[in-house]
Amino acid sequence: MKCMKCGKNALQSTTSEAIEMDFGLLVIRNIPCYKCEECDEIFYTGDVVQKIEEITETVKQFMQEVTIIDFAKVA
């Protein structure tokens, strides 16, 4: 895959994402992504974005001030 920002190679990797929500902070770890070798830009596939949205909606039901989810365990 080519980086949409700089055009260099983007390799499969994993990352973590912190999402500020109205009632706290959601941290999702081990998210599959493509990461650019040159500029470190992160890209998600459509199915990963959909799963992140599902996780976010589910977490709203039981969210505490800080919630940490492992993507690999819920995907």
C-alpha atoms as a PDB file:
ATOM      1  CA  MET A   1       0.000   0.000   0.000  1.00  0.00           C
ATOM      2  CA  LYS A   2       1.181   3.521  -0.743  1.00  0.00           C
ATOM      3  CA  CYS A   3       0.942   6.366   1.759  1.00  0.00           C
ATOM      4  CA  MET A   4      -1.803   8.820   0.820  1.00  0.00           C
ATOM      5  CA  LYS A   5       0.187  11.670   2.325  1.00  0.00           C
ATOM      6  CA  CYS A   6       3.715  11.244   0.890  1.00  0.00           C
ATOM      7  CA  GLY A   7       3.443   8.330  -1.572  1.00  0.00           C
ATOM      8  CA  LYS A   8       6.029   6.087   0.105  1.00  0.00           C
ATOM      9  CA  ASN A   9       5.404   2.487   1.226  1.00  0.00           C
ATOM     10  CA  ALA A  10       2.944   1.861   4.064  1.00  0.00           C
ATOM     11  CA  LEU A  11       3.369  -1.444   5.883  1.00  0.00           C
ATOM     12  CA  GLN A  12       0.945  -3.450   8.002  1.00  0.00           C
ATOM     13  CA  SER A  13       1.325  -2.663  11.678  1.00  0.00           C
ATOM     14  CA  THR A  14      -0.715  -2.039  14.825  1.00  0.00           C
ATOM     15  CA  THR A  15      -1.333   1.144  16.766  1.00  0.00           C
ATOM     16  CA  SER A  16      -3.243   2.546  19.728  1.00  0.00           C
ATOM     17  CA  GLU A  17      -5.833   5.289  19.564  1.00  0.00           C
ATOM     18  CA  ALA A  18      -7.107   7.545  22.358  1.00  0.00           C
ATOM     19  CA  ILE A  19     -10.614   8.900  21.777  1.00  0.00           C
ATOM     20  CA  GLU A  20     -11.902  11.750  23.942  1.00  0.00           C
ATOM     21  CA  MET A  21     -15.583  11.195  24.657  1.00  0.00           C
ATOM     22  CA  ASP A  22     -18.113  13.345  26.545  1.00  0.00           C
ATOM     23  CA  PHE A  23     -17.792  11.271  29.703  1.00  0.00           C
ATOM     24  CA  GLY A  24     -14.203  10.015  29.610  1.00  0.00           C
ATOM     25  CA  LEU A  25     -11.303   8.707  27.593  1.00  0.00           C
ATOM     26  CA  LEU A  26     -11.428   5.523  25.502  1.00  0.00           C
ATOM     27  CA  VAL A  27      -8.111   3.902  24.607  1.00  0.00           C
ATOM     28  CA  ILE A  28      -8.132   1.166  21.976  1.00  0.00           C
ATOM     29  CA  ARG A  29      -4.904  -0.840  21.715  1.00  0.00           C
ATOM     30  CA  ASN A  30      -3.558  -3.178  19.005  1.00  0.00           C
ATOM     31  CA  ILE A  31      -5.583  -1.668  16.149  1.00  0.00           C
ATOM     32  CA  PRO A  32      -4.495  -3.126  12.788  1.00  0.00           C
ATOM     33  CA  CYS A  33      -3.333  -0.387  10.437  1.00  0.00           C
ATOM     34  CA  TYR A  34      -0.951   0.579   7.679  1.00  0.00           C
ATOM     35  CA  LYS A  35       1.918   2.813   8.784  1.00  0.00           C
ATOM     36  CA  CYS A  36       4.084   4.809   6.375  1.00  0.00           C
ATOM     37  CA  GLU A  37       7.800   4.010   6.498  1.00  0.00           C
ATOM     38  CA  GLU A  38       8.667   7.619   5.694  1.00  0.00           C
ATOM     39  CA  CYS A  39       6.236   9.983   7.436  1.00  0.00           C
ATOM     40  CA  ASP A  40       4.658   7.611  10.038  1.00  0.00           C
ATOM     41  CA  GLU A  41       1.125   8.449   8.824  1.00  0.00           C
ATOM     42  CA  ILE A  42      -1.442   5.851   9.984  1.00  0.00           C
ATOM     43  CA  PHE A  43      -4.217   4.482   7.713  1.00  0.00           C
ATOM     44  CA  TYR A  44      -7.106   2.168   8.608  1.00  0.00           C
ATOM     45  CA  THR A  45      -9.077  -0.079   6.277  1.00  0.00           C
ATOM     46  CA  GLY A  46     -12.847   0.367   6.071  1.00  0.00           C
ATOM     47  CA  ASP A  47     -13.603  -2.731   8.142  1.00  0.00           C
ATOM     48  CA  VAL A  48     -11.269  -1.533  10.922  1.00  0.00           C
ATOM     49  CA  VAL A  49     -12.960   1.885  10.972  1.00  0.00           C
ATOM     50  CA  GLN A  50     -16.345   0.157  11.193  1.00  0.00           C
ATOM     51  CA  LYS A  51     -15.179  -1.975  14.133  1.00  0.00           C
ATOM     52  CA  ILE A  52     -13.779   1.097  15.934  1.00  0.00           C
ATOM     53  CA  GLU A  53     -17.181   2.767  15.532  1.00  0.00           C
ATOM     54  CA  GLU A  54     -18.909  -0.358  16.917  1.00  0.00           C
ATOM     55  CA  ILE A  55     -16.536  -0.453  19.893  1.00  0.00           C
ATOM     56  CA  THR A  56     -17.161   3.240  20.564  1.00  0.00           C
ATOM     57  CA  GLU A  57     -20.946   2.769  20.543  1.00  0.00           C
ATOM     58  CA  THR A  58     -20.751  -0.299  22.809  1.00  0.00           C
ATOM     59  CA  VAL A  59     -18.425   1.393  25.289  1.00  0.00           C
ATOM     60  CA  LYS A  60     -20.891   4.273  25.749  1.00  0.00           C
ATOM     61  CA  GLN A  61     -23.122   1.850  27.685  1.00  0.00           C
ATOM     62  CA  PHE A  62     -20.600   1.047  30.418  1.00  0.00           C
ATOM     63  CA  MET A  63     -17.893   3.698  30.071  1.00  0.00           C
ATOM     64  CA  GLN A  64     -15.992   4.833  33.096  1.00  0.00           C
ATOM     65  CA  GLU A  65     -13.695   7.858  33.225  1.00  0.00           C
ATOM     66  CA  VAL A  66     -10.976   5.847  31.439  1.00  0.00           C
ATOM     67  CA  THR A  67     -11.661   2.652  29.487  1.00  0.00           C
ATOM     68  CA  ILE A  68      -9.004   0.584  27.703  1.00  0.00           C
ATOM     69  CA  ILE A  69     -10.030  -1.966  25.054  1.00  0.00           C
ATOM     70  CA  ASP A  70      -7.770  -4.421  23.200  1.00  0.00           C
ATOM     71  CA  PHE A  71      -8.952  -4.403  19.560  1.00  0.00           C
ATOM     72  CA  ALA A  72      -7.589  -7.896  18.921  1.00  0.00           C
ATOM     73  CA  LYS A  73      -9.738  -9.335  21.716  1.00  0.00           C
ATOM     74  CA  VAL A  74     -13.028  -7.804  20.526  1.00  0.00           C
ATOM     75  CA  ALA A  75     -12.587  -7.961  16.761  1.00  0.00           C
END
